[in-house]
Amino acid sequence: MNLYFAKYIMQEEGRNRAMMMCSTAASILVPLLIIPIVQKI
């Protein structure tokens, strides 16, 4: 839905890239950072 929201609500389809980066970038780093937390709790 990010692409539809950027294209029609924000009226700037190019915003989709930044929206996708914000949605997915955390999923690259967060799993690595939470290893000690997973092992503890």
PDB file of all heavy atoms in Angstrom:
ATOM      1  N   MET A   1       0.819  -1.213   0.000  1.00  0.00           N
ATOM      2  CA  MET A   1       0.000   0.000   0.000  1.00  0.00           C
ATOM      3  C   MET A   1       0.853   1.263   0.000  1.00  0.00           C
ATOM      4  O   MET A   1       0.345   2.350  -0.300  1.00  0.00           O
ATOM      5  CB  MET A   1      -0.932  -0.003   1.219  1.00  0.00           C
ATOM      6  CG  MET A   1      -2.050  -1.023   1.158  1.00  0.00           C
ATOM      7  SD  MET A   1      -3.030  -0.932  -0.369  1.00  0.00           S
ATOM      8  CE  MET A   1      -3.568   0.765  -0.377  1.00  0.00           C
ATOM      9  N   ASN A   2       2.151   1.141   0.337  1.00  0.00           N
ATOM     10  CA  ASN A   2       3.021   2.318   0.325  1.00  0.00           C
ATOM     11  C   ASN A   2       3.027   2.992  -1.041  1.00  0.00           C
ATOM     12  O   ASN A   2       3.001   4.225  -1.145  1.00  0.00           O
ATOM     13  CB  ASN A   2       4.453   1.927   0.704  1.00  0.00           C
ATOM     14  CG  ASN A   2       4.602   1.585   2.166  1.00  0.00           C
ATOM     15  OD1 ASN A   2       3.646   1.679   2.936  1.00  0.00           O
ATOM     16  ND2 ASN A   2       5.781   1.157   2.562  1.00  0.00           N
ATOM     17  N   LEU A   3       3.084   2.187  -2.103  1.00  0.00           N
ATOM     18  CA  LEU A   3       3.151   2.745  -3.447  1.00  0.00           C
ATOM     19  C   LEU A   3       1.860   3.475  -3.800  1.00  0.00           C
ATOM     20  O   LEU A   3       1.891   4.568  -4.376  1.00  0.00           O
ATOM     21  CB  LEU A   3       3.435   1.634  -4.462  1.00  0.00           C
ATOM     22  CG  LEU A   3       3.597   2.063  -5.929  1.00  0.00           C
ATOM     23  CD1 LEU A   3       4.650   3.157  -6.064  1.00  0.00           C
ATOM     24  CD2 LEU A   3       3.951   0.865  -6.792  1.00  0.00           C
ATOM     25  N   TYR A   4       0.724   2.899  -3.449  1.00  0.00           N
ATOM     26  CA  TYR A   4      -0.558   3.566  -3.720  1.00  0.00           C
ATOM     27  C   TYR A   4      -0.654   4.870  -2.922  1.00  0.00           C
ATOM     28  O   TYR A   4      -1.128   5.892  -3.429  1.00  0.00           O
ATOM     29  CB  TYR A   4      -1.720   2.644  -3.339  1.00  0.00           C
ATOM     30  CG  TYR A   4      -1.896   1.459  -4.255  1.00  0.00           C
ATOM     31  CD1 TYR A   4      -1.329   0.229  -3.945  1.00  0.00           C
ATOM     32  CD2 TYR A   4      -2.637   1.565  -5.436  1.00  0.00           C
ATOM     33  CE1 TYR A   4      -1.498  -0.863  -4.777  1.00  0.00           C
ATOM     34  CE2 TYR A   4      -2.816   0.479  -6.266  1.00  0.00           C
ATOM     35  CZ  TYR A   4      -2.235  -0.737  -5.934  1.00  0.00           C
ATOM     36  OH  TYR A   4      -2.409  -1.822  -6.766  1.00  0.00           O
ATOM     37  N   PHE A   5      -0.214   4.826  -1.659  1.00  0.00           N
ATOM     38  CA  PHE A   5      -0.296   6.020  -0.807  1.00  0.00           C
ATOM     39  C   PHE A   5       0.596   7.129  -1.364  1.00  0.00           C
ATOM     40  O   PHE A   5       0.188   8.304  -1.429  1.00  0.00           O
ATOM     41  CB  PHE A   5       0.135   5.664   0.618  1.00  0.00           C
ATOM     42  CG  PHE A   5      -0.138   6.750   1.628  1.00  0.00           C
ATOM     43  CD1 PHE A   5      -1.373   6.848   2.238  1.00  0.00           C
ATOM     44  CD2 PHE A   5       0.850   7.672   1.962  1.00  0.00           C
ATOM     45  CE1 PHE A   5      -1.624   7.849   3.170  1.00  0.00           C
ATOM     46  CE2 PHE A   5       0.607   8.672   2.885  1.00  0.00           C
ATOM     47  CZ  PHE A   5      -0.632   8.768   3.493  1.00  0.00           C
ATOM     48  N   ALA A   6       1.811   6.772  -1.773  1.00  0.00           N
ATOM     49  CA  ALA A   6       2.733   7.773  -2.317  1.00  0.00           C
ATOM     50  C   ALA A   6       2.217   8.350  -3.631  1.00  0.00           C
ATOM     51  O   ALA A   6       2.275   9.565  -3.861  1.00  0.00           O
ATOM     52  CB  ALA A   6       4.112   7.138  -2.522  1.00  0.00           C
ATOM     53  N   LYS A   7       1.693   7.486  -4.488  1.00  0.00           N
ATOM     54  CA  LYS A   7       1.288   7.920  -5.821  1.00  0.00           C
ATOM     55  C   LYS A   7       0.025   8.772  -5.806  1.00  0.00           C
ATOM     56  O   LYS A   7      -0.061   9.777  -6.523  1.00  0.00           O
ATOM     57  CB  LYS A   7       1.081   6.691  -6.719  1.00  0.00           C
ATOM     58  CG  LYS A   7       0.742   7.027  -8.166  1.00  0.00           C
ATOM     59  CD  LYS A   7       0.674   5.757  -9.014  1.00  0.00           C
ATOM     60  CE  LYS A   7       0.360   6.078 -10.473  1.00  0.00           C
ATOM     61  NZ  LYS A   7       0.322   4.835 -11.301  1.00  0.00           N
ATOM     62  N   TYR A   8      -0.951   8.405  -4.980  1.00  0.00           N
ATOM     63  CA  TYR A   8      -2.256   9.057  -5.069  1.00  0.00           C
ATOM     64  C   TYR A   8      -2.572   9.983  -3.892  1.00  0.00           C
ATOM     65  O   TYR A   8      -3.208  11.021  -4.087  1.00  0.00           O
ATOM     66  CB  TYR A   8      -3.359   8.004  -5.193  1.00  0.00           C
ATOM     67  CG  TYR A   8      -3.234   7.190  -6.456  1.00  0.00           C
ATOM     68  CD1 TYR A   8      -2.848   5.853  -6.412  1.00  0.00           C
ATOM     69  CD2 TYR A   8      -3.471   7.760  -7.703  1.00  0.00           C
ATOM     70  CE1 TYR A   8      -2.721   5.096  -7.571  1.00  0.00           C
ATOM     71  CE2 TYR A   8      -3.338   7.019  -8.869  1.00  0.00           C
ATOM     72  CZ  TYR A   8      -2.972   5.692  -8.796  1.00  0.00           C
ATOM     73  OH  TYR A   8      -2.836   4.950  -9.952  1.00  0.00           O
ATOM     74  N   ILE A   9      -2.135   9.645  -2.671  1.00  0.00           N
ATOM     75  CA  ILE A   9      -2.409  10.509  -1.524  1.00  0.00           C
ATOM     76  C   ILE A   9      -1.377  11.620  -1.441  1.00  0.00           C
ATOM     77  O   ILE A   9      -1.705  12.803  -1.308  1.00  0.00           O
ATOM     78  CB  ILE A   9      -2.432   9.702  -0.201  1.00  0.00           C
ATOM     79  CG1 ILE A   9      -3.435   8.547  -0.288  1.00  0.00           C
ATOM     80  CG2 ILE A   9      -2.754  10.634   0.969  1.00  0.00           C
ATOM     81  CD1 ILE A   9      -4.871   8.974  -0.485  1.00  0.00           C
ATOM     82  N   MET A  10      -0.088  11.245  -1.541  1.00  0.00           N
ATOM     83  CA  MET A  10       0.985  12.237  -1.488  1.00  0.00           C
ATOM     84  C   MET A  10       1.231  12.876  -2.847  1.00  0.00           C
ATOM     85  O   MET A  10       1.903  13.905  -2.938  1.00  0.00           O
ATOM     86  CB  MET A  10       2.275  11.583  -0.982  1.00  0.00           C
ATOM     87  CG  MET A  10       2.141  10.924   0.376  1.00  0.00           C
ATOM     88  SD  MET A  10       3.680  10.128   0.920  1.00  0.00           S
ATOM     89  CE  MET A  10       4.664  11.580   1.273  1.00  0.00           C
ATOM     90  N   GLN A  11       0.712  12.230  -3.897  1.00  0.00           N
ATOM     91  CA  GLN A  11       0.851  12.713  -5.278  1.00  0.00           C
ATOM     92  C   GLN A  11       2.318  12.862  -5.685  1.00  0.00           C
ATOM     93  O   GLN A  11       2.698  13.762  -6.415  1.00  0.00           O
ATOM     94  CB  GLN A  11       0.107  14.035  -5.461  1.00  0.00           C
ATOM     95  CG  GLN A  11      -1.395  13.890  -5.235  1.00  0.00           C
ATOM     96  CD  GLN A  11      -2.156  15.157  -5.514  1.00  0.00           C
ATOM     97  OE1 GLN A  11      -1.590  16.208  -5.774  1.00  0.00           O
ATOM     98  NE2 GLN A  11      -3.478  15.063  -5.464  1.00  0.00           N
ATOM     99  N   GLU A  12       3.140  11.938  -5.176  1.00  0.00           N
ATOM    100  CA  GLU A  12       4.549  11.898  -5.546  1.00  0.00           C
ATOM    101  C   GLU A  12       5.025  10.461  -5.445  1.00  0.00           C
ATOM    102  O   GLU A  12       5.435  10.007  -4.373  1.00  0.00           O
ATOM    103  CB  GLU A  12       5.378  12.817  -4.645  1.00  0.00           C
ATOM    104  CG  GLU A  12       6.789  13.016  -5.170  1.00  0.00           C
ATOM    105  CD  GLU A  12       7.541  14.111  -4.419  1.00  0.00           C
ATOM    106  OE1 GLU A  12       6.907  14.890  -3.688  1.00  0.00           O
ATOM    107  OE2 GLU A  12       8.778  14.162  -4.566  1.00  0.00           O
ATOM    108  N   GLU A  13       4.950   9.731  -6.543  1.00  0.00           N
ATOM    109  CA  GLU A  13       5.244   8.310  -6.548  1.00  0.00           C
ATOM    110  C   GLU A  13       6.648   8.001  -6.054  1.00  0.00           C
ATOM    111  O   GLU A  13       6.898   6.959  -5.452  1.00  0.00           O
ATOM    112  CB  GLU A  13       5.041   7.754  -7.961  1.00  0.00           C
ATOM    113  CG  GLU A  13       5.164   6.253  -8.059  1.00  0.00           C
ATOM    114  CD  GLU A  13       4.827   5.723  -9.450  1.00  0.00           C
ATOM    115  OE1 GLU A  13       4.210   6.483 -10.244  1.00  0.00           O
ATOM    116  OE2 GLU A  13       5.165   4.566  -9.743  1.00  0.00           O
ATOM    117  N   GLY A  14       7.593   8.944  -6.279  1.00  0.00           N
ATOM    118  CA  GLY A  14       8.973   8.725  -5.865  1.00  0.00           C
ATOM    119  C   GLY A  14       9.157   8.572  -4.365  1.00  0.00           C
ATOM    120  O   GLY A  14      10.173   8.044  -3.902  1.00  0.00           O
ATOM    121  N   ARG A  15       8.173   9.042  -3.574  1.00  0.00           N
ATOM    122  CA  ARG A  15       8.256   8.886  -2.124  1.00  0.00           C
ATOM    123  C   ARG A  15       8.209   7.413  -1.706  1.00  0.00           C
ATOM    124  O   ARG A  15       8.591   7.065  -0.580  1.00  0.00           O
ATOM    125  CB  ARG A  15       7.091   9.613  -1.448  1.00  0.00           C
ATOM    126  CG  ARG A  15       7.071  11.109  -1.661  1.00  0.00           C
ATOM    127  CD  ARG A  15       8.062  11.808  -0.790  1.00  0.00           C
ATOM    128  NE  ARG A  15       7.920  13.253  -0.870  1.00  0.00           N
ATOM    129  CZ  ARG A  15       8.832  14.121  -0.478  1.00  0.00           C
ATOM    130  NH1 ARG A  15       9.981  13.682   0.023  1.00  0.00           N
ATOM    131  NH2 ARG A  15       8.631  15.417  -0.574  1.00  0.00           N
ATOM    132  N   ASN A  16       7.735   6.574  -2.588  1.00  0.00           N
ATOM    133  CA  ASN A  16       7.618   5.151  -2.252  1.00  0.00           C
ATOM    134  C   ASN A  16       8.951   4.563  -1.842  1.00  0.00           C
ATOM    135  O   ASN A  16       9.015   3.733  -0.933  1.00  0.00           O
ATOM    136  CB  ASN A  16       7.053   4.382  -3.448  1.00  0.00           C
ATOM    137  CG  ASN A  16       7.079   2.877  -3.225  1.00  0.00           C
ATOM    138  OD1 ASN A  16       6.426   2.357  -2.346  1.00  0.00           O
ATOM    139  ND2 ASN A  16       7.875   2.170  -4.034  1.00  0.00           N
ATOM    140  N   ARG A  17      10.038   4.970  -2.499  1.00  0.00           N
ATOM    141  CA  ARG A  17      11.340   4.393  -2.165  1.00  0.00           C
ATOM    142  C   ARG A  17      11.701   4.679  -0.709  1.00  0.00           C
ATOM    143  O   ARG A  17      12.103   3.770   0.033  1.00  0.00           O
ATOM    144  CB  ARG A  17      12.429   4.944  -3.080  1.00  0.00           C
ATOM    145  CG  ARG A  17      13.822   4.517  -2.610  1.00  0.00           C
ATOM    146  CD  ARG A  17      14.928   5.126  -3.417  1.00  0.00           C
ATOM    147  NE  ARG A  17      15.047   4.479  -4.702  1.00  0.00           N
ATOM    148  CZ  ARG A  17      16.043   4.741  -5.561  1.00  0.00           C
ATOM    149  NH1 ARG A  17      16.966   5.623  -5.270  1.00  0.00           N
ATOM    150  NH2 ARG A  17      16.088   4.121  -6.717  1.00  0.00           N
ATOM    151  N   ALA A  18      11.565   5.934  -0.281  1.00  0.00           N
ATOM    152  CA  ALA A  18      11.892   6.277   1.096  1.00  0.00           C
ATOM    153  C   ALA A  18      10.960   5.561   2.073  1.00  0.00           C
ATOM    154  O   ALA A  18      11.389   5.109   3.138  1.00  0.00           O
ATOM    155  CB  ALA A  18      11.803   7.791   1.292  1.00  0.00           C
ATOM    156  N   MET A  19       9.693   5.432   1.716  1.00  0.00           N
ATOM    157  CA  MET A  19       8.740   4.733   2.579  1.00  0.00           C
ATOM    158  C   MET A  19       9.115   3.261   2.723  1.00  0.00           C
ATOM    159  O   MET A  19       9.056   2.699   3.822  1.00  0.00           O
ATOM    160  CB  MET A  19       7.325   4.878   2.012  1.00  0.00           C
ATOM    161  CG  MET A  19       6.785   6.302   2.059  1.00  0.00           C
ATOM    162  SD  MET A  19       5.206   6.477   1.217  1.00  0.00           S
ATOM    163  CE  MET A  19       4.121   5.612   2.374  1.00  0.00           C
ATOM    164  N   MET A  20       9.504   2.637   1.618  1.00  0.00           N
ATOM    165  CA  MET A  20       9.921   1.244   1.671  1.00  0.00           C
ATOM    166  C   MET A  20      11.218   1.077   2.466  1.00  0.00           C
ATOM    167  O   MET A  20      11.385   0.108   3.211  1.00  0.00           O
ATOM    168  CB  MET A  20      10.107   0.691   0.252  1.00  0.00           C
ATOM    169  CG  MET A  20       8.814   0.349  -0.447  1.00  0.00           C
ATOM    170  SD  MET A  20       7.956  -1.001   0.407  1.00  0.00           S
ATOM    171  CE  MET A  20       6.656  -1.343  -0.777  1.00  0.00           C
ATOM    172  N   MET A  21      12.125   2.038   2.329  1.00  0.00           N
ATOM    173  CA  MET A  21      13.377   1.969   3.089  1.00  0.00           C
ATOM    174  C   MET A  21      13.095   2.033   4.588  1.00  0.00           C
ATOM    175  O   MET A  21      13.656   1.278   5.369  1.00  0.00           O
ATOM    176  CB  MET A  21      14.309   3.103   2.669  1.00  0.00           C
ATOM    177  CG  MET A  21      14.904   2.938   1.278  1.00  0.00           C
ATOM    178  SD  MET A  21      15.949   4.338   0.793  1.00  0.00           S
ATOM    179  CE  MET A  21      17.279   4.187   1.965  1.00  0.00           C
ATOM    180  N   CYS A  22      12.185   2.941   4.979  1.00  0.00           N
ATOM    181  CA  CYS A  22      11.837   3.048   6.395  1.00  0.00           C
ATOM    182  C   CYS A  22      11.127   1.781   6.887  1.00  0.00           C
ATOM    183  O   CYS A  22      11.331   1.357   8.032  1.00  0.00           O
ATOM    184  CB  CYS A  22      10.939   4.263   6.620  1.00  0.00           C
ATOM    185  SG  CYS A  22      11.764   5.838   6.381  1.00  0.00           S
ATOM    186  N   SER A  23      10.303   1.188   6.032  1.00  0.00           N
ATOM    187  CA  SER A  23       9.542   0.002   6.422  1.00  0.00           C
ATOM    188  C   SER A  23      10.423  -1.231   6.567  1.00  0.00           C
ATOM    189  O   SER A  23      10.161  -2.094   7.409  1.00  0.00           O
ATOM    190  CB  SER A  23       8.441  -0.277   5.391  1.00  0.00           C
ATOM    191  OG  SER A  23       7.508   0.773   5.338  1.00  0.00           O
ATOM    192  N   THR A  24      11.459  -1.329   5.743  1.00  0.00           N
ATOM    193  CA  THR A  24      12.229  -2.574   5.673  1.00  0.00           C
ATOM    194  C   THR A  24      13.657  -2.482   6.188  1.00  0.00           C
ATOM    195  O   THR A  24      14.245  -3.507   6.543  1.00  0.00           O
ATOM    196  CB  THR A  24      12.280  -3.087   4.217  1.00  0.00           C
ATOM    197  OG1 THR A  24      12.898  -2.084   3.385  1.00  0.00           O
ATOM    198  CG2 THR A  24      10.871  -3.357   3.690  1.00  0.00           C
ATOM    199  N   ALA A  25      14.247  -1.264   6.261  1.00  0.00           N
ATOM    200  CA  ALA A  25      15.659  -1.153   6.652  1.00  0.00           C
ATOM    201  C   ALA A  25      15.893  -1.691   8.055  1.00  0.00           C
ATOM    202  O   ALA A  25      16.915  -2.336   8.325  1.00  0.00           O
ATOM    203  CB  ALA A  25      16.123   0.301   6.559  1.00  0.00           C
ATOM    204  N   ALA A  26      14.930  -1.446   8.963  1.00  0.00           N
ATOM    205  CA  ALA A  26      15.087  -1.924  10.341  1.00  0.00           C
ATOM    206  C   ALA A  26      15.192  -3.439  10.394  1.00  0.00           C
ATOM    207  O   ALA A  26      15.865  -3.995  11.273  1.00  0.00           O
ATOM    208  CB  ALA A  26      13.912  -1.448  11.196  1.00  0.00           C
ATOM    209  N   SER A  27      14.547  -4.118   9.454  1.00  0.00           N
ATOM    210  CA  SER A  27      14.553  -5.577   9.459  1.00  0.00           C
ATOM    211  C   SER A  27      15.903  -6.165   9.094  1.00  0.00           C
ATOM    212  O   SER A  27      16.140  -7.354   9.291  1.00  0.00           O
ATOM    213  CB  SER A  27      13.483  -6.106   8.490  1.00  0.00           C
ATOM    214  OG  SER A  27      12.197  -5.762   8.950  1.00  0.00           O
ATOM    215  N   ILE A  28      16.807  -5.336   8.572  1.00  0.00           N
ATOM    216  CA  ILE A  28      18.155  -5.802   8.263  1.00  0.00           C
ATOM    217  C   ILE A  28      19.034  -5.739   9.504  1.00  0.00           C
ATOM    218  O   ILE A  28      19.768  -6.679   9.819  1.00  0.00           O
ATOM    219  CB  ILE A  28      18.782  -4.957   7.137  1.00  0.00           C
ATOM    220  CG1 ILE A  28      17.895  -5.002   5.883  1.00  0.00           C
ATOM    221  CG2 ILE A  28      20.194  -5.425   6.818  1.00  0.00           C
ATOM    222  CD1 ILE A  28      18.314  -4.020   4.810  1.00  0.00           C
ATOM    223  N   LEU A  29      18.943  -4.639  10.251  1.00  0.00           N
ATOM    224  CA  LEU A  29      19.837  -4.409  11.385  1.00  0.00           C
ATOM    225  C   LEU A  29      19.277  -4.912  12.706  1.00  0.00           C
ATOM    226  O   LEU A  29      20.020  -5.451  13.534  1.00  0.00           O
ATOM    227  CB  LEU A  29      20.142  -2.908  11.492  1.00  0.00           C
ATOM    228  CG  LEU A  29      20.887  -2.284  10.303  1.00  0.00           C
ATOM    229  CD1 LEU A  29      21.027  -0.779  10.496  1.00  0.00           C
ATOM    230  CD2 LEU A  29      22.252  -2.927  10.135  1.00  0.00           C
ATOM    231  N   VAL A  30      17.975  -4.733  12.929  1.00  0.00           N
ATOM    232  CA  VAL A  30      17.382  -5.085  14.220  1.00  0.00           C
ATOM    233  C   VAL A  30      17.640  -6.546  14.604  1.00  0.00           C
ATOM    234  O   VAL A  30      18.019  -6.825  15.752  1.00  0.00           O
ATOM    235  CB  VAL A  30      15.881  -4.755  14.251  1.00  0.00           C
ATOM    236  CG1 VAL A  30      15.194  -5.389  15.452  1.00  0.00           C
ATOM    237  CG2 VAL A  30      15.685  -3.239  14.282  1.00  0.00           C
ATOM    238  N   PRO A  31      17.445  -7.527  13.703  1.00  0.00           N
ATOM    239  CA  PRO A  31      17.703  -8.922  14.102  1.00  0.00           C
ATOM    240  C   PRO A  31      19.113  -9.152  14.622  1.00  0.00           C
ATOM    241  O   PRO A  31      19.319  -9.930  15.557  1.00  0.00           O
ATOM    242  CB  PRO A  31      17.440  -9.709  12.813  1.00  0.00           C
ATOM    243  CG  PRO A  31      16.467  -8.870  12.062  1.00  0.00           C
ATOM    244  CD  PRO A  31      16.883  -7.454  12.343  1.00  0.00           C
ATOM    245  N   LEU A  32      20.104  -8.476  14.026  1.00  0.00           N
ATOM    246  CA  LEU A  32      21.485  -8.647  14.481  1.00  0.00           C
ATOM    247  C   LEU A  32      21.699  -7.996  15.841  1.00  0.00           C
ATOM    248  O   LEU A  32      22.429  -8.528  16.684  1.00  0.00           O
ATOM    249  CB  LEU A  32      22.441  -8.035  13.451  1.00  0.00           C
ATOM    250  CG  LEU A  32      22.379  -8.640  12.043  1.00  0.00           C
ATOM    251  CD1 LEU A  32      23.296  -7.872  11.097  1.00  0.00           C
ATOM    252  CD2 LEU A  32      22.767 -10.111  12.072  1.00  0.00           C
ATOM    253  N   LEU A  33      21.049  -6.863  16.085  1.00  0.00           N
ATOM    254  CA  LEU A  33      21.246  -6.129  17.329  1.00  0.00           C
ATOM    255  C   LEU A  33      20.558  -6.788  18.521  1.00  0.00           C
ATOM    256  O   LEU A  33      20.963  -6.575  19.667  1.00  0.00           O
ATOM    257  CB  LEU A  33      20.735  -4.686  17.170  1.00  0.00           C
ATOM    258  CG  LEU A  33      21.462  -3.833  16.126  1.00  0.00           C
ATOM    259  CD1 LEU A  33      20.796  -2.469  15.991  1.00  0.00           C
ATOM    260  CD2 LEU A  33      22.939  -3.656  16.497  1.00  0.00           C
ATOM    261  N   ILE A  34      19.518  -7.586  18.248  1.00  0.00           N
ATOM    262  CA  ILE A  34      18.757  -8.157  19.369  1.00  0.00           C
ATOM    263  C   ILE A  34      19.232  -9.556  19.767  1.00  0.00           C
ATOM    264  O   ILE A  34      18.613 -10.183  20.628  1.00  0.00           O
ATOM    265  CB  ILE A  34      17.246  -8.198  19.057  1.00  0.00           C
ATOM    266  CG1 ILE A  34      16.972  -9.147  17.875  1.00  0.00           C
ATOM    267  CG2 ILE A  34      16.690  -6.811  18.811  1.00  0.00           C
ATOM    268  CD1 ILE A  34      15.487  -9.375  17.647  1.00  0.00           C
ATOM    269  N   ILE A  35      20.331 -10.036  19.175  1.00  0.00           N
ATOM    270  CA  ILE A  35      20.822 -11.379  19.532  1.00  0.00           C
ATOM    271  C   ILE A  35      21.014 -11.535  21.047  1.00  0.00           C
ATOM    272  O   ILE A  35      20.509 -12.497  21.642  1.00  0.00           O
ATOM    273  CB  ILE A  35      22.125 -11.711  18.771  1.00  0.00           C
ATOM    274  CG1 ILE A  35      21.822 -11.913  17.285  1.00  0.00           C
ATOM    275  CG2 ILE A  35      22.780 -12.971  19.346  1.00  0.00           C
ATOM    276  CD1 ILE A  35      23.060 -12.139  16.431  1.00  0.00           C
ATOM    277  N   PRO A  36      21.728 -10.614  21.722  1.00  0.00           N
ATOM    278  CA  PRO A  36      21.891 -10.807  23.171  1.00  0.00           C
ATOM    279  C   PRO A  36      20.573 -10.693  23.937  1.00  0.00           C
ATOM    280  O   PRO A  36      20.393 -11.333  24.979  1.00  0.00           O
ATOM    281  CB  PRO A  36      22.861  -9.683  23.574  1.00  0.00           C
ATOM    282  CG  PRO A  36      22.773  -8.675  22.481  1.00  0.00           C
ATOM    283  CD  PRO A  36      22.489  -9.452  21.240  1.00  0.00           C
ATOM    284  N   ILE A  37      19.637  -9.901  23.422  1.00  0.00           N
ATOM    285  CA  ILE A  37      18.336  -9.757  24.089  1.00  0.00           C
ATOM    286  C   ILE A  37      17.537 -11.049  23.960  1.00  0.00           C
ATOM    287  O   ILE A  37      16.923 -11.520  24.929  1.00  0.00           O
ATOM    288  CB  ILE A  37      17.546  -8.570  23.489  1.00  0.00           C
ATOM    289  CG1 ILE A  37      18.348  -7.282  23.634  1.00  0.00           C
ATOM    290  CG2 ILE A  37      16.190  -8.431  24.171  1.00  0.00           C
ATOM    291  CD1 ILE A  37      17.708  -6.087  22.965  1.00  0.00           C
ATOM    292  N   VAL A  38      17.568 -11.654  22.779  1.00  0.00           N
ATOM    293  CA  VAL A  38      16.880 -12.937  22.575  1.00  0.00           C
ATOM    294  C   VAL A  38      17.456 -13.999  23.496  1.00  0.00           C
ATOM    295  O   VAL A  38      16.720 -14.783  24.116  1.00  0.00           O
ATOM    296  CB  VAL A  38      16.984 -13.376  21.100  1.00  0.00           C
ATOM    297  CG1 VAL A  38      16.493 -14.810  20.931  1.00  0.00           C
ATOM    298  CG2 VAL A  38      16.191 -12.441  20.202  1.00  0.00           C
ATOM    299  N   GLN A  39      18.785 -14.027  23.615  1.00  0.00           N
ATOM    300  CA  GLN A  39      19.427 -15.034  24.449  1.00  0.00           C
ATOM    301  C   GLN A  39      19.119 -14.830  25.927  1.00  0.00           C
ATOM    302  O   GLN A  39      19.131 -15.785  26.707  1.00  0.00           O
ATOM    303  CB  GLN A  39      20.937 -15.023  24.206  1.00  0.00           C
ATOM    304  CG  GLN A  39      21.316 -15.511  22.809  1.00  0.00           C
ATOM    305  CD  GLN A  39      22.800 -15.412  22.524  1.00  0.00           C
ATOM    306  OE1 GLN A  39      23.486 -14.545  23.060  1.00  0.00           O
ATOM    307  NE2 GLN A  39      23.304 -16.283  21.667  1.00  0.00           N
ATOM    308  N   LYS A  40      18.816 -13.594  26.318  1.00  0.00           N
ATOM    309  CA  LYS A  40      18.547 -13.300  27.724  1.00  0.00           C
ATOM    310  C   LYS A  40      17.082 -13.489  28.094  1.00  0.00           C
ATOM    311  O   LYS A  40      16.765 -14.096  29.132  1.00  0.00           O
ATOM    312  CB  LYS A  40      18.979 -11.866  28.054  1.00  0.00           C
ATOM    313  CG  LYS A  40      18.834 -11.526  29.527  1.00  0.00           C
ATOM    314  CD  LYS A  40      19.437 -10.180  29.848  1.00  0.00           C
ATOM    315  CE  LYS A  40      19.350  -9.885  31.354  1.00  0.00           C
ATOM    316  NZ  LYS A  40      19.964  -8.582  31.715  1.00  0.00           N
ATOM    317  N   ILE A  41      16.144 -12.980  27.271  1.00  0.00           N
ATOM    318  CA  ILE A  41      14.726 -13.016  27.660  1.00  0.00           C
ATOM    319  C   ILE A  41      13.890 -13.975  26.815  1.00  0.00           C
ATOM    320  O   ILE A  41      12.706 -14.179  27.105  1.00  0.00           O
ATOM    321  CB  ILE A  41      14.096 -11.611  27.621  1.00  0.00           C
ATOM    322  CG1 ILE A  41      13.996 -11.075  26.175  1.00  0.00           C
ATOM    323  CG2 ILE A  41      14.871 -10.648  28.491  1.00  0.00           C
ATOM    324  CD1 ILE A  41      13.236  -9.766  26.065  1.00  0.00           C
TER     325      ILE A  41
END
